[in-house]
Every structure is written in structure tokens, then in C-alpha cells.
Amino acid sequence: MNSKQKQSKKRQLIVLYGHYCWWCGYSLKENQLTIEHLYPQSRGGSNTIENLRLSCFKCNNSRGNSLYPPNWRMGNCF
């Protein structure tokens, strides 16, 4: 995705899910949210809105290409 496409997807996700990290539930400003692939691209995941969520940098970065962040437990990863 180019930067224009990312910004458009991010706005769509904010409308759908709000300004929250999908994994830990923290409320964040738009510029603190990263686009997260539920099913990682390295495992064949797509850039469709159904496969994308918003997350904080910590959850997104710690997850790598696993399906869940380390220590993730029902809505709270840290």
C-alpha cells in the first residue's frame, strides 16, 4: 500500500473500530495508531479492510508474524 492508501484504510478502520488498539484496548490519537494485519502478510494475509485493524506500536511490533502478540490474554497484552 502506498501512503495515500494507508491513510484511507486508517480512516476507514477508525470509523469502524474507533481510536483503540485492537489488542490491548488503549485509546490512542490517530498518529499513534498503526495498521495491523490480523493474518500477517508473510503468511499470505491481504490488505483488505477485513484483514486490517488498528493497534498501538508496542502490540504491533511485538507480534511479528504470529497470530497474537506475546502474553496476549483476551484484550490485554501487557
PDB file of N, CA and C in Angstrom:
ATOM      1  N   MET A   1       0.842  -1.181   0.000  1.00  0.00           N
ATOM      2  CA  MET A   1       0.000   0.000   0.000  1.00  0.00           C
ATOM      3  C   MET A   1       0.885   1.242   0.000  1.00  0.00           C
ATOM      4  N   ASN A   2       0.492   2.214  -0.769  1.00  0.00           N
ATOM      5  CA  ASN A   2       1.209   3.479  -0.712  1.00  0.00           C
ATOM      6  C   ASN A   2       0.645   4.321   0.443  1.00  0.00           C
ATOM      7  N   SER A   3       1.257   5.454   0.725  1.00  0.00           N
ATOM      8  CA  SER A   3       0.870   6.242   1.898  1.00  0.00           C
ATOM      9  C   SER A   3      -0.560   6.774   1.797  1.00  0.00           C
ATOM     10  N   LYS A   4      -1.013   7.093   0.598  1.00  0.00           N
ATOM     11  CA  LYS A   4      -2.388   7.575   0.418  1.00  0.00           C
ATOM     12  C   LYS A   4      -3.391   6.449   0.724  1.00  0.00           C
ATOM     13  N   GLN A   5      -3.082   5.246   0.264  1.00  0.00           N
ATOM     14  CA  GLN A   5      -3.946   4.096   0.534  1.00  0.00           C
ATOM     15  C   GLN A   5      -3.968   3.773   2.031  1.00  0.00           C
ATOM     16  N   LYS A   6      -2.800   3.850   2.681  1.00  0.00           N
ATOM     17  CA  LYS A   6      -2.732   3.584   4.122  1.00  0.00           C
ATOM     18  C   LYS A   6      -3.589   4.573   4.900  1.00  0.00           C
ATOM     19  N   GLN A   7      -3.500   5.845   4.544  1.00  0.00           N
ATOM     20  CA  GLN A   7      -4.277   6.877   5.240  1.00  0.00           C
ATOM     21  C   GLN A   7      -5.773   6.629   5.058  1.00  0.00           C
ATOM     22  N   SER A   8      -6.169   6.242   3.857  1.00  0.00           N
ATOM     23  CA  SER A   8      -7.573   5.949   3.589  1.00  0.00           C
ATOM     24  C   SER A   8      -8.048   4.746   4.402  1.00  0.00           C
ATOM     25  N   LYS A   9      -7.242   3.695   4.438  1.00  0.00           N
ATOM     26  CA  LYS A   9      -7.591   2.492   5.221  1.00  0.00           C
ATOM     27  C   LYS A   9      -7.670   2.826   6.708  1.00  0.00           C
ATOM     28  N   LYS A  10      -6.726   3.640   7.188  1.00  0.00           N
ATOM     29  CA  LYS A  10      -6.714   4.006   8.602  1.00  0.00           C
ATOM     30  C   LYS A  10      -8.000   4.759   8.960  1.00  0.00           C
ATOM     31  N   ARG A  11      -8.426   5.671   8.102  1.00  0.00           N
ATOM     32  CA  ARG A  11      -9.676   6.411   8.359  1.00  0.00           C
ATOM     33  C   ARG A  11     -10.873   5.472   8.385  1.00  0.00           C
ATOM     34  N   GLN A  12     -10.904   4.513   7.454  1.00  0.00           N
ATOM     35  CA  GLN A  12     -11.996   3.533   7.435  1.00  0.00           C
ATOM     36  C   GLN A  12     -12.019   2.719   8.727  1.00  0.00           C
ATOM     37  N   LEU A  13     -10.850   2.300   9.184  1.00  0.00           N
ATOM     38  CA  LEU A  13     -10.759   1.497  10.410  1.00  0.00           C
ATOM     39  C   LEU A  13     -11.163   2.296  11.638  1.00  0.00           C
ATOM     40  N   ILE A  14     -10.824   3.584  11.667  1.00  0.00           N
ATOM     41  CA  ILE A  14     -11.229   4.432  12.792  1.00  0.00           C
ATOM     42  C   ILE A  14     -12.750   4.558  12.835  1.00  0.00           C
ATOM     43  N   VAL A  15     -13.380   4.704  11.679  1.00  0.00           N
ATOM     44  CA  VAL A  15     -14.846   4.767  11.621  1.00  0.00           C
ATOM     45  C   VAL A  15     -15.447   3.463  12.143  1.00  0.00           C
ATOM     46  N   LEU A  16     -14.856   2.339  11.749  1.00  0.00           N
ATOM     47  CA  LEU A  16     -15.377   1.032  12.161  1.00  0.00           C
ATOM     48  C   LEU A  16     -15.119   0.704  13.627  1.00  0.00           C
ATOM     49  N   TYR A  17     -13.897   0.984  14.116  1.00  0.00           N
ATOM     50  CA  TYR A  17     -13.484   0.478  15.429  1.00  0.00           C
ATOM     51  C   TYR A  17     -13.087   1.552  16.440  1.00  0.00           C
ATOM     52  N   GLY A  18     -13.033   2.804  16.017  1.00  0.00           N
ATOM     53  CA  GLY A  18     -12.636   3.863  16.940  1.00  0.00           C
ATOM     54  C   GLY A  18     -11.121   3.989  17.047  1.00  0.00           C
ATOM     55  N   HIS A  19     -10.681   4.806  17.981  1.00  0.00           N
ATOM     56  CA  HIS A  19      -9.250   5.090  18.181  1.00  0.00           C
ATOM     57  C   HIS A  19      -8.634   4.145  19.211  1.00  0.00           C
ATOM     58  N   TYR A  20      -8.878   2.858  19.077  1.00  0.00           N
ATOM     59  CA  TYR A  20      -8.415   1.888  20.071  1.00  0.00           C
ATOM     60  C   TYR A  20      -7.472   0.864  19.451  1.00  0.00           C
ATOM     61  N   CYS A  21      -6.516   0.425  20.254  1.00  0.00           N
ATOM     62  CA  CYS A  21      -5.664  -0.697  19.840  1.00  0.00           C
ATOM     63  C   CYS A  21      -6.514  -1.965  19.877  1.00  0.00           C
ATOM     64  N   TRP A  22      -6.467  -2.713  18.803  1.00  0.00           N
ATOM     65  CA  TRP A  22      -7.243  -3.950  18.689  1.00  0.00           C
ATOM     66  C   TRP A  22      -6.845  -4.954  19.770  1.00  0.00           C
ATOM     67  N   TRP A  23      -5.581  -4.962  20.187  1.00  0.00           N
ATOM     68  CA  TRP A  23      -5.086  -5.963  21.116  1.00  0.00           C
ATOM     69  C   TRP A  23      -5.185  -5.567  22.580  1.00  0.00           C
ATOM     70  N   CYS A  24      -4.737  -4.387  22.945  1.00  0.00           N
ATOM     71  CA  CYS A  24      -4.723  -4.020  24.371  1.00  0.00           C
ATOM     72  C   CYS A  24      -5.874  -3.107  24.764  1.00  0.00           C
ATOM     73  N   GLY A  25      -6.553  -2.524  23.788  1.00  0.00           N
ATOM     74  CA  GLY A  25      -7.728  -1.713  24.070  1.00  0.00           C
ATOM     75  C   GLY A  25      -7.450  -0.274  24.462  1.00  0.00           C
ATOM     76  N   TYR A  26      -6.195   0.142  24.465  1.00  0.00           N
ATOM     77  CA  TYR A  26      -5.883   1.525  24.819  1.00  0.00           C
ATOM     78  C   TYR A  26      -6.416   2.486  23.766  1.00  0.00           C
ATOM     79  N   SER A  27      -6.955   3.603  24.226  1.00  0.00           N
ATOM     80  CA  SER A  27      -7.410   4.668  23.343  1.00  0.00           C
ATOM     81  C   SER A  27      -6.201   5.520  22.971  1.00  0.00           C
ATOM     82  N   LEU A  28      -6.024   5.771  21.677  1.00  0.00           N
ATOM     83  CA  LEU A  28      -4.849   6.483  21.193  1.00  0.00           C
ATOM     84  C   LEU A  28      -5.233   7.558  20.194  1.00  0.00           C
ATOM     85  N   LYS A  29      -4.344   8.521  19.999  1.00  0.00           N
ATOM     86  CA  LYS A  29      -4.531   9.518  18.954  1.00  0.00           C
ATOM     87  C   LYS A  29      -4.278   8.851  17.609  1.00  0.00           C
ATOM     88  N   GLU A  30      -4.837   9.439  16.561  1.00  0.00           N
ATOM     89  CA  GLU A  30      -4.706   8.846  15.226  1.00  0.00           C
ATOM     90  C   GLU A  30      -3.258   8.617  14.822  1.00  0.00           C
ATOM     91  N   ASN A  31      -2.389   9.564  15.147  1.00  0.00           N
ATOM     92  CA  ASN A  31      -0.991   9.410  14.737  1.00  0.00           C
ATOM     93  C   ASN A  31      -0.234   8.366  15.559  1.00  0.00           C
ATOM     94  N   GLN A  32      -0.834   7.846  16.618  1.00  0.00           N
ATOM     95  CA  GLN A  32      -0.210   6.800  17.432  1.00  0.00           C
ATOM     96  C   GLN A  32      -0.662   5.405  17.018  1.00  0.00           C
ATOM     97  N   LEU A  33      -1.660   5.329  16.148  1.00  0.00           N
ATOM     98  CA  LEU A  33      -2.195   4.046  15.708  1.00  0.00           C
ATOM     99  C   LEU A  33      -1.452   3.536  14.484  1.00  0.00           C
ATOM    100  N   THR A  34      -1.172   2.251  14.456  1.00  0.00           N
ATOM    101  CA  THR A  34      -0.550   1.628  13.294  1.00  0.00           C
ATOM    102  C   THR A  34      -1.553   0.658  12.677  1.00  0.00           C
ATOM    103  N   ILE A  35      -1.375   0.399  11.399  1.00  0.00           N
ATOM    104  CA  ILE A  35      -2.228  -0.574  10.722  1.00  0.00           C
ATOM    105  C   ILE A  35      -1.657  -1.968  10.967  1.00  0.00           C
ATOM    106  N   GLU A  36      -2.515  -2.852  11.395  1.00  0.00           N
ATOM    107  CA  GLU A  36      -2.148  -4.209  11.779  1.00  0.00           C
ATOM    108  C   GLU A  36      -2.857  -5.203  10.866  1.00  0.00           C
ATOM    109  N   HIS A  37      -2.156  -6.200  10.396  1.00  0.00           N
ATOM    110  CA  HIS A  37      -2.764  -7.282   9.623  1.00  0.00           C
ATOM    111  C   HIS A  37      -3.125  -8.411  10.586  1.00  0.00           C
ATOM    112  N   LEU A  38      -4.406  -8.771  10.672  1.00  0.00           N
ATOM    113  CA  LEU A  38      -4.802  -9.881  11.543  1.00  0.00           C
ATOM    114  C   LEU A  38      -4.098 -11.161  11.119  1.00  0.00           C
ATOM    115  N   TYR A  39      -4.170 -11.446   9.842  1.00  0.00           N
ATOM    116  CA  TYR A  39      -3.431 -12.578   9.285  1.00  0.00           C
ATOM    117  C   TYR A  39      -2.239 -11.968   8.568  1.00  0.00           C
ATOM    118  N   PRO A  40      -1.036 -12.146   9.103  1.00  0.00           N
ATOM    119  CA  PRO A  40       0.144 -11.451   8.587  1.00  0.00           C
ATOM    120  C   PRO A  40       0.377 -11.648   7.085  1.00  0.00           C
ATOM    121  N   GLN A  41       0.887 -10.593   6.451  1.00  0.00           N
ATOM    122  CA  GLN A  41       1.197 -10.662   5.023  1.00  0.00           C
ATOM    123  C   GLN A  41       2.202 -11.763   4.733  1.00  0.00           C
ATOM    124  N   SER A  42       3.139 -11.979   5.640  1.00  0.00           N
ATOM    125  CA  SER A  42       4.150 -13.019   5.421  1.00  0.00           C
ATOM    126  C   SER A  42       3.539 -14.419   5.425  1.00  0.00           C
ATOM    127  N   ARG A  43       2.306 -14.540   5.903  1.00  0.00           N
ATOM    128  CA  ARG A  43       1.597 -15.824   5.892  1.00  0.00           C
ATOM    129  C   ARG A  43       0.495 -15.833   4.845  1.00  0.00           C
ATOM    130  N   GLY A  44       0.521 -14.834   3.955  1.00  0.00           N
ATOM    131  CA  GLY A  44      -0.460 -14.778   2.872  1.00  0.00           C
ATOM    132  C   GLY A  44      -1.627 -13.848   3.126  1.00  0.00           C
ATOM    133  N   GLY A  45      -1.582 -13.066   4.205  1.00  0.00           N
ATOM    134  CA  GLY A  45      -2.661 -12.134   4.518  1.00  0.00           C
ATOM    135  C   GLY A  45      -2.733 -10.998   3.520  1.00  0.00           C
ATOM    136  N   SER A  46      -3.928 -10.468   3.345  1.00  0.00           N
ATOM    137  CA  SER A  46      -4.149  -9.427   2.337  1.00  0.00           C
ATOM    138  C   SER A  46      -4.263  -8.041   2.985  1.00  0.00           C
ATOM    139  N   ASN A  47      -4.371  -7.034   2.132  1.00  0.00           N
ATOM    140  CA  ASN A  47      -4.571  -5.656   2.585  1.00  0.00           C
ATOM    141  C   ASN A  47      -6.037  -5.245   2.551  1.00  0.00           C
ATOM    142  N   THR A  48      -6.935  -6.218   2.539  1.00  0.00           N
ATOM    143  CA  THR A  48      -8.359  -5.893   2.544  1.00  0.00           C
ATOM    144  C   THR A  48      -8.758  -5.396   3.932  1.00  0.00           C
ATOM    145  N   ILE A  49      -9.787  -4.585   3.985  1.00  0.00           N
ATOM    146  CA  ILE A  49     -10.239  -3.996   5.250  1.00  0.00           C
ATOM    147  C   ILE A  49     -10.623  -5.086   6.259  1.00  0.00           C
ATOM    148  N   GLU A  50     -11.068  -6.238   5.768  1.00  0.00           N
ATOM    149  CA  GLU A  50     -11.441  -7.347   6.658  1.00  0.00           C
ATOM    150  C   GLU A  50     -10.239  -7.927   7.393  1.00  0.00           C
ATOM    151  N   ASN A  51      -9.048  -7.773   6.829  1.00  0.00           N
ATOM    152  CA  ASN A  51      -7.840  -8.317   7.446  1.00  0.00           C
ATOM    153  C   ASN A  51      -7.039  -7.260   8.200  1.00  0.00           C
ATOM    154  N   LEU A  52      -7.523  -6.032   8.229  1.00  0.00           N
ATOM    155  CA  LEU A  52      -6.783  -4.951   8.868  1.00  0.00           C
ATOM    156  C   LEU A  52      -7.467  -4.485  10.141  1.00  0.00           C
ATOM    157  N   ARG A  53      -6.669  -4.111  11.120  1.00  0.00           N
ATOM    158  CA  ARG A  53      -7.142  -3.491  12.352  1.00  0.00           C
ATOM    159  C   ARG A  53      -6.123  -2.422  12.741  1.00  0.00           C
ATOM    160  N   LEU A  54      -6.446  -1.641  13.750  1.00  0.00           N
ATOM    161  CA  LEU A  54      -5.529  -0.634  14.270  1.00  0.00           C
ATOM    162  C   LEU A  54      -4.922  -1.147  15.563  1.00  0.00           C
ATOM    163  N   SER A  55      -3.660  -0.837  15.774  1.00  0.00           N
ATOM    164  CA  SER A  55      -3.019  -1.241  17.027  1.00  0.00           C
ATOM    165  C   SER A  55      -1.979  -0.218  17.431  1.00  0.00           C
ATOM    166  N   CYS A  56      -1.598  -0.275  18.693  1.00  0.00           N
ATOM    167  CA  CYS A  56      -0.506   0.575  19.157  1.00  0.00           C
ATOM    168  C   CYS A  56       0.803  -0.021  18.631  1.00  0.00           C
ATOM    169  N   PHE A  57       1.839   0.784  18.601  1.00  0.00           N
ATOM    170  CA  PHE A  57       3.128   0.325  18.083  1.00  0.00           C
ATOM    171  C   PHE A  57       3.642  -0.867  18.886  1.00  0.00           C
ATOM    172  N   LYS A  58       3.482  -0.822  20.207  1.00  0.00           N
ATOM    173  CA  LYS A  58       4.009  -1.888  21.069  1.00  0.00           C
ATOM    174  C   LYS A  58       3.388  -3.248  20.720  1.00  0.00           C
ATOM    175  N   CYS A  59       2.066  -3.293  20.586  1.00  0.00           N
ATOM    176  CA  CYS A  59       1.402  -4.558  20.250  1.00  0.00           C
ATOM    177  C   CYS A  59       1.758  -5.002  18.839  1.00  0.00           C
ATOM    178  N   ASN A  60       1.754  -4.078  17.892  1.00  0.00           N
ATOM    179  CA  ASN A  60       2.045  -4.417  16.504  1.00  0.00           C
ATOM    180  C   ASN A  60       3.487  -4.902  16.363  1.00  0.00           C
ATOM    181  N   ASN A  61       4.406  -4.201  16.965  1.00  0.00           N
ATOM    182  CA  ASN A  61       5.823  -4.533  16.841  1.00  0.00           C
ATOM    183  C   ASN A  61       6.166  -5.840  17.555  1.00  0.00           C
ATOM    184  N   SER A  62       5.568  -6.095  18.709  1.00  0.00           N
ATOM    185  CA  SER A  62       5.896  -7.302  19.469  1.00  0.00           C
ATOM    186  C   SER A  62       5.313  -8.556  18.832  1.00  0.00           C
ATOM    187  N   ARG A  63       4.314  -8.402  18.015  1.00  0.00           N
ATOM    188  CA  ARG A  63       3.629  -9.535  17.415  1.00  0.00           C
ATOM    189  C   ARG A  63       4.423 -10.206  16.306  1.00  0.00           C
ATOM    190  N   GLY A  64       5.196  -9.439  15.565  1.00  0.00           N
ATOM    191  CA  GLY A  64       5.919 -10.037  14.450  1.00  0.00           C
ATOM    192  C   GLY A  64       4.955 -10.656  13.456  1.00  0.00           C
ATOM    193  N   ASN A  65       5.198 -11.900  13.058  1.00  0.00           N
ATOM    194  CA  ASN A  65       4.266 -12.548  12.133  1.00  0.00           C
ATOM    195  C   ASN A  65       3.435 -13.630  12.827  1.00  0.00           C
ATOM    196  N   SER A  66       3.370 -13.586  14.176  1.00  0.00           N
ATOM    197  CA  SER A  66       2.498 -14.525  14.884  1.00  0.00           C
ATOM    198  C   SER A  66       1.050 -14.061  14.774  1.00  0.00           C
ATOM    199  N   LEU A  67       0.157 -14.922  15.158  1.00  0.00           N
ATOM    200  CA  LEU A  67      -1.252 -14.567  15.088  1.00  0.00           C
ATOM    201  C   LEU A  67      -1.692 -13.712  16.268  1.00  0.00           C
ATOM    202  N   TYR A  68      -0.953 -13.755  17.376  1.00  0.00           N
ATOM    203  CA  TYR A  68      -1.267 -12.951  18.566  1.00  0.00           C
ATOM    204  C   TYR A  68       0.010 -12.357  19.138  1.00  0.00           C
ATOM    205  N   PRO A  69      -0.096 -11.196  19.812  1.00  0.00           N
ATOM    206  CA  PRO A  69       1.092 -10.642  20.475  1.00  0.00           C
ATOM    207  C   PRO A  69       1.506 -11.538  21.643  1.00  0.00           C
ATOM    208  N   PRO A  70       2.776 -11.488  22.054  1.00  0.00           N
ATOM    209  CA  PRO A  70       3.195 -12.272  23.217  1.00  0.00           C
ATOM    210  C   PRO A  70       2.410 -11.838  24.456  1.00  0.00           C
ATOM    211  N   ASN A  71       2.094 -12.758  25.297  1.00  0.00           N
ATOM    212  CA  ASN A  71       1.364 -12.501  26.552  1.00  0.00           C
ATOM    213  C   ASN A  71      -0.056 -11.990  26.340  1.00  0.00           C
ATOM    214  N   TRP A  72      -0.601 -12.157  25.141  1.00  0.00           N
ATOM    215  CA  TRP A  72      -1.950 -11.673  24.877  1.00  0.00           C
ATOM    216  C   TRP A  72      -2.961 -12.530  25.617  1.00  0.00           C
ATOM    217  N   ARG A  73      -3.869 -11.859  26.322  1.00  0.00           N
ATOM    218  CA  ARG A  73      -4.929 -12.542  27.051  1.00  0.00           C
ATOM    219  C   ARG A  73      -6.215 -11.749  26.927  1.00  0.00           C
ATOM    220  N   MET A  74      -7.081 -12.163  26.056  1.00  0.00           N
ATOM    221  CA  MET A  74      -8.414 -11.589  25.901  1.00  0.00           C
ATOM    222  C   MET A  74      -8.473 -10.077  26.108  1.00  0.00           C
ATOM    223  N   GLY A  75      -7.875  -9.323  25.233  1.00  0.00           N
ATOM    224  CA  GLY A  75      -7.998  -7.880  25.245  1.00  0.00           C
ATOM    225  C   GLY A  75      -6.958  -7.126  26.040  1.00  0.00           C
ATOM    226  N   ASN A  76      -5.953  -7.803  26.565  1.00  0.00           N
ATOM    227  CA  ASN A  76      -4.908  -7.091  27.290  1.00  0.00           C
ATOM    228  C   ASN A  76      -3.585  -7.823  27.086  1.00  0.00           C
ATOM    229  N   CYS A  77      -2.692  -7.214  26.303  1.00  0.00           N
ATOM    230  CA  CYS A  77      -1.447  -7.942  26.028  1.00  0.00           C
ATOM    231  C   CYS A  77      -0.329  -7.585  26.994  1.00  0.00           C
ATOM    232  N   PHE A  78      -0.439  -6.519  27.751  1.00  0.00           N
ATOM    233  CA  PHE A  78       0.644  -6.187  28.672  1.00  0.00           C
ATOM    234  C   PHE A  78       0.104  -5.816  30.027  1.00  0.00           C
TER     235      PHE A  78
END
